[in-house]
Amino acid sequence: MKNLLFLFLISVRLLAQTESRLEILIPGGTFDLGDFQDASPDARPIIGVQVASFWMERDPVTYDLWTGVYSWAVTNGYAFSNPGKGKGPQHPVHSIPWKDAVRWCNARSEREGRTPVYYVDPGFAQVFKSGDFEIRANWTANGYRLPTEAEWEKAARGALNRKRFPRGDSLGISDANFYAGATGTNVPVYMGGLTGYDALYAKDGMPYTSPVDAFPPNGLGLRGMAGNVFQWCWDWYSPTYSAADNPRGSDSGSRKVMRGGSWFGQSYYARTGYRNSMNPRFAVNTCGFRCAISAAAPNIPRVGVVLTNGQIHLSFDAQLGARYSIQQAPTAVGPWTDTAMLDGRDGSLSWNDVLIRESSRFYRVLAQ
């Protein structure tokens, strides 16, 4: 029996325009969860938390990526509360309610042939696509999801345990997009005496977001873990931490956790240990989200595409001993026909095909 590994859901004439994204493996282990530097009441006491390895996307979800998946989703059974907003294609999407972020993660998973994470039933039979249901997560699925609060903090800290910010104990205008509006004798030293919004982005009306690649990454290569937009997490907010391994927050609540600070907030709110939360129904221009993937789930190969002189070149990671069938179709839903059969080996495989001028074909890769 064949298992679907990857499905191109856009015509080959558009494949060369797709955005290249990067997922970074966050190694598992124990780290100190909490506000070590400034003793925020709901981030104390500091506890050692065990988190399994997982993947975190390098950047927050961009408006360009959001709209691409959103357009596919609304024609494939998904219904959203908000269409989402963004100041530019490579700015983070914002004004997304929590359940819209979750729905979008499922749509992105389905679009790429991954198994969705979020369901409305305990048996994981009904994918969450619309409505206002209690959401259940299948943590072993290989689809996109929101990080847990503990995962987010571990990723933000990177290799700098117990530091105030993702890149150290201070935050300057070269480190993140935030509002440096506090002055006076009682202002914390780490706020540096800066004032106002970032002049580079405080224009063309609010929100004053910046492109996701505008500031340097933390030690793990993650960008935008401080400032720009807060990021939704999976957990219901609770004033106390859970000391369990791989904590996922309370079973219920009225607010969902959001982390990381924003363009509108002072550096105080961008601290790695700072905990914020909001009604999950709210959609504000200071909050977006970032995708994670469970590392234990089987990884679907990334398929690279190059279009030159009417020739399409596909390349993808292959598993030792597997056989792969490349299929094509005139539409995204078929009918599918075999184009080539490749013997897998440990490493990578590639395949070429010459296109008919102005043709519109869809491809998918199957493993036997």
Protein backbone atom coordinates (compact mmCIF):
# COMPACT_ATOMS: atom_id res chain seq x y z
CA MET A 1 0.00 0.00 0.00
CA LYS A 2 1.28 3.46 -0.85
CA ASN A 3 1.45 6.30 1.65
CA LEU A 4 1.20 9.92 0.51
CA LEU A 5 4.37 11.80 1.42
CA PHE A 6 4.02 15.11 -0.34
CA LEU A 7 1.46 16.72 -2.61
CA PHE A 8 1.98 19.81 -4.75
CA LEU A 9 -1.28 21.71 -4.58
CA ILE A 10 -0.27 24.48 -6.96
CA SER A 11 0.46 24.36 -10.67
CA VAL A 12 4.04 23.95 -11.82
CA ARG A 13 3.92 27.42 -13.34
CA LEU A 14 3.83 28.77 -9.77
CA LEU A 15 6.17 26.38 -8.00
CA ALA A 16 9.24 28.54 -8.50
CA GLN A 17 7.53 31.30 -6.48
CA THR A 18 6.95 29.25 -3.34
CA GLU A 19 8.59 30.50 -0.15
CA SER A 20 11.46 28.52 1.35
CA ARG A 21 10.92 27.98 5.09
CA LEU A 22 13.16 26.52 7.73
CA GLU A 23 12.35 24.32 10.69
CA ILE A 24 14.92 24.07 13.47
CA LEU A 25 15.27 21.09 15.78
CA ILE A 26 15.01 22.16 19.41
CA PRO A 27 16.88 19.50 21.39
CA GLY A 28 15.06 17.95 24.31
CA GLY A 29 16.23 18.08 27.89
CA THR A 30 15.72 19.85 31.19
CA PHE A 31 15.87 23.62 31.46
CA ASP A 32 14.95 26.26 34.05
CA LEU A 33 11.42 27.48 33.37
CA GLY A 34 10.54 30.84 34.91
CA ASP A 35 11.59 34.45 35.40
CA PHE A 36 15.01 34.10 36.99
CA GLN A 37 16.04 37.75 36.62
CA ASP A 38 13.01 39.83 37.59
CA ALA A 39 10.80 37.59 39.72
CA SER A 40 7.45 38.02 37.98
CA PRO A 41 4.93 36.54 40.46
CA ASP A 42 3.34 34.09 38.00
CA ALA A 43 6.75 32.95 36.72
CA ARG A 44 8.06 31.83 40.11
CA PRO A 45 9.31 29.61 41.57
CA ILE A 46 11.86 28.54 38.97
CA ILE A 47 11.39 24.87 38.17
CA GLY A 48 13.36 22.37 36.11
CA VAL A 49 11.17 21.15 33.24
CA GLN A 50 11.81 18.22 30.93
CA VAL A 51 10.79 18.86 27.31
CA ALA A 52 11.08 16.35 24.47
CA SER A 53 12.80 17.36 21.23
CA PHE A 54 10.59 19.16 18.74
CA TRP A 55 10.82 21.29 15.63
CA MET A 56 10.17 25.03 15.70
CA GLU A 57 9.83 27.16 12.60
CA ARG A 58 12.54 29.78 12.32
CA ASP A 59 10.11 32.68 11.84
CA PRO A 60 6.61 33.64 12.92
CA VAL A 61 3.98 32.90 10.27
CA THR A 62 4.23 35.60 7.62
CA TYR A 63 1.26 37.29 6.00
CA ASP A 64 2.32 35.77 2.67
CA LEU A 65 2.33 32.24 4.08
CA TRP A 66 -0.94 32.84 5.95
CA THR A 67 -2.80 34.04 2.85
CA GLY A 68 -1.56 31.16 0.70
CA VAL A 69 -2.84 28.54 3.13
CA TYR A 70 -5.96 30.54 3.97
CA SER A 71 -6.99 30.72 0.30
CA TRP A 72 -6.65 26.95 -0.01
CA ALA A 73 -8.41 26.31 3.30
CA VAL A 74 -11.61 28.27 2.60
CA THR A 75 -12.18 26.17 -0.53
CA ASN A 76 -11.52 22.91 1.33
CA GLY A 77 -14.02 22.97 4.18
CA TYR A 78 -12.40 25.46 6.57
CA ALA A 79 -14.16 28.50 8.05
CA PHE A 80 -12.34 31.26 9.95
CA SER A 81 -13.45 34.06 12.24
CA ASN A 82 -10.96 36.56 10.80
CA PRO A 83 -9.15 36.76 7.46
CA GLY A 84 -5.93 37.89 9.15
CA LYS A 85 -3.90 41.02 8.45
CA GLY A 86 -0.31 41.89 7.69
CA LYS A 87 1.63 45.04 6.89
CA GLY A 88 3.58 43.32 4.13
CA PRO A 89 4.15 39.83 2.67
CA GLN A 90 7.14 39.12 4.92
CA HIS A 91 5.74 40.83 8.01
CA PRO A 92 4.13 38.55 10.60
CA VAL A 93 0.42 37.94 10.21
CA HIS A 94 -1.61 39.49 13.03
CA SER A 95 -5.20 39.85 14.25
CA ILE A 96 -5.65 36.09 14.46
CA PRO A 97 -7.89 34.55 17.17
CA TRP A 98 -6.42 31.46 18.82
CA LYS A 99 -8.82 28.99 17.18
CA ASP A 100 -8.14 30.50 13.76
CA ALA A 101 -4.43 29.83 14.31
CA VAL A 102 -5.24 26.23 15.23
CA ARG A 103 -7.55 25.81 12.22
CA TRP A 104 -4.87 27.26 9.96
CA CYS A 105 -2.27 24.81 11.29
CA ASN A 106 -4.61 21.94 10.35
CA ALA A 107 -5.21 23.38 6.89
CA ARG A 108 -1.48 23.79 6.29
CA SER A 109 -0.93 20.20 7.41
CA GLU A 110 -3.59 18.84 5.07
CA ARG A 111 -2.36 20.95 2.20
CA GLU A 112 1.13 19.43 2.56
CA GLY A 113 -0.05 15.86 3.10
CA ARG A 114 0.70 15.83 6.82
CA THR A 115 -1.55 14.45 9.54
CA PRO A 116 -3.46 17.28 11.29
CA VAL A 117 -2.91 17.72 15.02
CA TYR A 118 -6.23 19.22 16.17
CA TYR A 119 -9.58 17.40 16.42
CA VAL A 120 -13.01 17.83 17.96
CA ASP A 121 -13.35 14.23 19.22
CA PRO A 122 -11.24 12.07 21.57
CA GLY A 123 -10.72 9.43 18.88
CA PHE A 124 -9.06 11.94 16.51
CA ALA A 125 -11.50 11.16 13.70
CA GLN A 126 -12.98 14.62 13.02
CA VAL A 127 -10.44 17.26 12.03
CA PHE A 128 -11.11 20.69 13.51
CA LYS A 129 -11.99 22.92 10.55
CA SER A 130 -14.79 25.19 11.74
CA GLY A 131 -17.14 25.91 14.62
CA ASP A 132 -16.51 26.51 18.29
CA PHE A 133 -15.63 23.07 19.68
CA GLU A 134 -13.39 21.95 22.49
CA ILE A 135 -10.08 21.20 20.78
CA ARG A 136 -8.15 17.96 21.32
CA ALA A 137 -4.53 17.59 20.22
CA ASN A 138 -2.92 14.46 18.81
CA TRP A 139 0.64 15.11 19.95
CA THR A 140 2.05 12.22 17.89
CA ALA A 141 0.78 13.60 14.57
CA ASN A 142 3.34 15.05 12.17
CA GLY A 143 1.31 18.14 11.31
CA TYR A 144 1.84 21.77 12.24
CA ARG A 145 0.75 22.97 15.67
CA LEU A 146 1.22 25.73 18.21
CA PRO A 147 4.12 25.24 20.65
CA THR A 148 3.36 24.67 24.29
CA GLU A 149 4.39 27.43 26.67
CA ALA A 150 7.32 25.35 27.96
CA GLU A 151 8.44 24.55 24.40
CA TRP A 152 8.25 28.22 23.46
CA GLU A 153 10.38 29.29 26.43
CA LYS A 154 12.96 26.56 25.84
CA ALA A 155 13.26 27.57 22.20
CA ALA A 156 13.48 31.27 23.06
CA ARG A 157 16.24 30.71 25.61
CA GLY A 158 18.26 28.66 23.17
CA ALA A 159 21.69 28.09 24.70
CA LEU A 160 21.31 30.98 27.16
CA ASN A 161 19.65 29.50 30.22
CA ARG A 162 18.41 31.99 32.84
CA LYS A 163 19.04 35.07 30.69
CA ARG A 164 16.53 37.93 30.49
CA PHE A 165 16.15 37.96 26.69
CA PRO A 166 16.79 35.46 23.90
CA ARG A 167 20.19 37.03 23.15
CA GLY A 168 21.32 38.10 26.63
CA ASP A 169 20.37 40.28 29.59
CA SER A 170 19.68 43.49 27.63
CA LEU A 171 17.58 44.41 24.62
CA GLY A 172 18.52 47.21 22.23
CA ILE A 173 17.05 48.60 19.03
CA SER A 174 19.40 46.36 17.05
CA ASP A 175 17.97 43.25 18.75
CA ALA A 176 14.20 43.52 18.35
CA ASN A 177 11.20 45.65 17.38
CA PHE A 178 9.64 47.04 20.56
CA TYR A 179 8.43 50.29 22.11
CA ALA A 180 11.16 51.93 24.17
CA GLY A 181 8.86 54.38 25.87
CA ALA A 182 9.92 54.32 29.50
CA THR A 183 12.19 56.96 31.04
CA GLY A 184 12.81 58.16 34.57
CA THR A 185 14.56 57.19 37.76
CA ASN A 186 12.68 53.91 38.33
CA VAL A 187 13.19 52.51 34.85
CA PRO A 188 15.09 49.18 34.85
CA VAL A 189 18.66 49.41 33.62
CA TYR A 190 18.05 46.83 30.92
CA MET A 191 15.63 49.22 29.19
CA GLY A 192 18.61 51.38 28.34
CA GLY A 193 16.99 54.82 28.49
CA LEU A 194 15.65 54.46 24.93
CA THR A 195 12.43 56.17 23.96
CA GLY A 196 9.72 55.75 21.34
CA TYR A 197 8.96 53.28 18.59
CA ASP A 198 11.57 51.95 16.19
CA ALA A 199 11.90 54.82 13.70
CA LEU A 200 12.54 52.41 10.84
CA TYR A 201 9.07 50.85 11.16
CA ALA A 202 6.95 53.53 12.86
CA LYS A 203 5.34 54.73 9.66
CA ASP A 204 2.36 54.18 7.35
CA GLY A 205 0.06 53.79 10.34
CA MET A 206 -0.11 51.17 13.05
CA PRO A 207 0.77 48.38 13.51
CA TYR A 208 4.49 49.12 13.40
CA THR A 209 5.55 45.54 12.66
CA SER A 210 8.85 44.70 10.97
CA PRO A 211 9.75 41.96 8.47
CA VAL A 212 10.49 38.63 10.14
CA ASP A 213 14.14 38.73 9.01
CA ALA A 214 14.83 42.25 10.29
CA PHE A 215 16.73 41.23 13.46
CA PRO A 216 19.39 38.63 14.27
CA PRO A 217 18.41 35.16 15.55
CA ASN A 218 18.99 33.67 18.96
CA GLY A 219 21.55 30.93 19.59
CA LEU A 220 19.36 28.26 17.98
CA GLY A 221 18.73 30.29 14.84
CA LEU A 222 15.16 31.37 15.70
CA ARG A 223 14.16 34.88 14.69
CA GLY A 224 11.58 37.15 16.29
CA MET A 225 11.43 35.49 19.71
CA ALA A 226 11.38 38.97 21.29
CA GLY A 227 9.22 41.85 20.08
CA ASN A 228 7.35 42.39 16.81
CA VAL A 229 4.26 40.28 17.68
CA PHE A 230 3.26 38.16 20.65
CA GLN A 231 2.86 34.49 19.73
CA TRP A 232 -0.01 32.21 20.72
CA CYS A 233 0.85 29.05 22.63
CA TRP A 234 -1.27 25.93 23.17
CA ASP A 235 -1.72 26.30 26.94
CA TRP A 236 -4.56 27.72 28.94
CA TYR A 237 -3.11 30.33 31.26
CA SER A 238 -2.67 29.39 34.92
CA PRO A 239 -0.90 31.51 37.59
CA THR A 240 1.28 28.53 38.46
CA TYR A 241 3.51 26.25 36.39
CA SER A 242 3.12 22.51 36.02
CA ALA A 243 6.17 20.51 37.05
CA ALA A 244 5.25 17.52 34.85
CA ASP A 245 7.43 16.39 31.96
CA ASN A 246 6.35 18.00 28.66
CA PRO A 247 3.80 20.25 30.43
CA ARG A 248 0.84 21.41 28.33
CA GLY A 249 -0.94 23.67 30.79
CA SER A 250 -4.30 23.44 32.49
CA ASP A 251 -7.21 21.42 31.11
CA SER A 252 -9.40 24.51 30.94
CA GLY A 253 -9.37 28.25 31.45
CA SER A 254 -10.51 31.58 30.08
CA ARG A 255 -7.28 32.87 28.51
CA LYS A 256 -4.61 31.35 26.30
CA VAL A 257 -0.90 32.00 26.84
CA MET A 258 0.91 34.34 24.47
CA ARG A 259 4.64 34.96 24.60
CA GLY A 260 7.41 37.16 23.27
CA GLY A 261 6.42 40.83 23.42
CA SER A 262 5.40 43.07 20.53
CA TRP A 263 6.10 46.25 18.58
CA PHE A 264 3.65 48.05 20.90
CA GLY A 265 5.11 46.85 24.21
CA GLN A 266 8.18 47.91 26.13
CA SER A 267 11.12 45.57 26.51
CA TYR A 268 9.70 44.47 29.88
CA TYR A 269 7.08 42.47 27.97
CA ALA A 270 9.66 40.95 25.61
CA ARG A 271 11.51 39.16 28.41
CA THR A 272 11.83 35.43 27.82
CA GLY A 273 10.30 34.65 31.21
CA TYR A 274 7.40 37.10 30.92
CA ARG A 275 3.98 35.41 30.75
CA ASN A 276 1.10 37.09 28.98
CA SER A 277 -2.37 35.78 28.12
CA MET A 278 -5.50 36.83 26.29
CA ASN A 279 -9.06 35.72 25.61
CA PRO A 280 -8.67 33.26 22.71
CA ARG A 281 -11.53 34.94 20.85
CA PHE A 282 -9.67 38.25 20.64
CA ALA A 283 -7.85 39.29 17.46
CA VAL A 284 -5.36 42.13 18.00
CA ASN A 285 -2.62 43.69 15.89
CA THR A 286 0.05 42.83 18.46
CA CYS A 287 -0.38 39.05 18.30
CA GLY A 288 0.45 36.39 15.71
CA PHE A 289 1.81 32.86 16.01
CA ARG A 290 4.59 30.46 15.07
CA CYS A 291 4.43 26.78 14.07
CA ALA A 292 5.98 23.78 15.79
CA ILE A 293 6.11 20.08 14.83
CA SER A 294 6.48 17.08 17.11
CA ALA A 295 9.93 15.60 16.50
CA ALA A 296 8.79 12.06 17.28
CA ALA A 297 6.41 12.12 14.33
CA PRO A 298 7.65 10.74 10.99
CA ASN A 299 9.04 13.56 8.92
CA ILE A 300 7.58 14.13 5.48
CA PRO A 301 10.38 14.89 3.01
CA ARG A 302 10.71 18.43 1.78
CA VAL A 303 10.52 18.51 -2.02
CA GLY A 304 12.70 21.03 -3.78
CA VAL A 305 11.61 22.44 -7.15
CA VAL A 306 13.64 24.14 -9.86
CA LEU A 307 12.12 25.38 -13.11
CA THR A 308 14.50 26.25 -15.97
CA ASN A 309 13.99 26.29 -19.72
CA GLY A 310 10.73 24.38 -19.54
CA GLN A 311 12.22 21.64 -17.36
CA ILE A 312 11.03 20.78 -13.86
CA HIS A 313 13.51 19.26 -11.42
CA LEU A 314 12.23 17.61 -8.24
CA SER A 315 14.56 16.64 -5.41
CA PHE A 316 13.67 15.11 -2.04
CA ASP A 317 15.11 13.16 0.87
CA ALA A 318 14.90 9.40 0.41
CA GLN A 319 14.80 6.64 3.00
CA LEU A 320 16.96 3.55 2.60
CA GLY A 321 15.06 0.64 1.03
CA ALA A 322 12.00 2.62 -0.04
CA ARG A 323 10.63 2.92 -3.58
CA TYR A 324 9.07 6.17 -4.75
CA SER A 325 6.47 6.85 -7.40
CA ILE A 326 6.19 10.31 -8.95
CA GLN A 327 2.68 10.99 -10.20
CA GLN A 328 1.18 13.87 -12.15
CA ALA A 329 -2.33 15.19 -12.76
CA PRO A 330 -3.99 18.03 -14.67
CA THR A 331 -5.73 19.24 -11.48
CA ALA A 332 -5.01 19.18 -7.77
CA VAL A 333 -7.53 16.38 -7.24
CA GLY A 334 -6.49 14.16 -10.14
CA PRO A 335 -6.78 11.93 -12.04
CA TRP A 336 -3.24 10.85 -11.10
CA THR A 337 -0.96 8.87 -13.44
CA ASP A 338 2.47 7.35 -12.77
CA THR A 339 5.31 9.31 -14.35
CA ALA A 340 8.40 7.66 -12.87
CA MET A 341 9.44 4.99 -10.35
CA LEU A 342 12.62 5.55 -8.32
CA ASP A 343 14.55 3.20 -6.04
CA GLY A 344 15.25 4.84 -2.70
CA ARG A 345 18.70 5.07 -1.19
CA ASP A 346 20.12 6.74 1.88
CA GLY A 347 20.45 10.37 0.85
CA SER A 348 18.48 12.17 -1.82
CA LEU A 349 16.69 11.48 -5.07
CA SER A 350 16.01 13.72 -8.03
CA TRP A 351 13.93 13.54 -11.17
CA ASN A 352 13.55 15.70 -14.27
CA ASP A 353 10.66 16.25 -16.67
CA VAL A 354 10.30 18.58 -19.63
CA LEU A 355 7.07 20.55 -19.55
CA ILE A 356 4.86 21.41 -22.45
CA ARG A 357 4.91 25.17 -22.86
CA GLU A 358 2.16 26.85 -20.81
CA SER A 359 1.08 23.51 -19.34
CA SER A 360 -0.33 23.35 -15.85
CA ARG A 361 0.46 20.13 -14.01
CA PHE A 362 0.46 18.99 -10.40
CA TYR A 363 2.88 16.49 -8.90
CA ARG A 364 3.00 14.28 -5.84
CA VAL A 365 5.52 11.81 -4.45
CA LEU A 366 4.39 8.47 -3.04
CA ALA A 367 6.40 5.87 -1.11
CA GLN A 368 5.64 2.17 -1.36
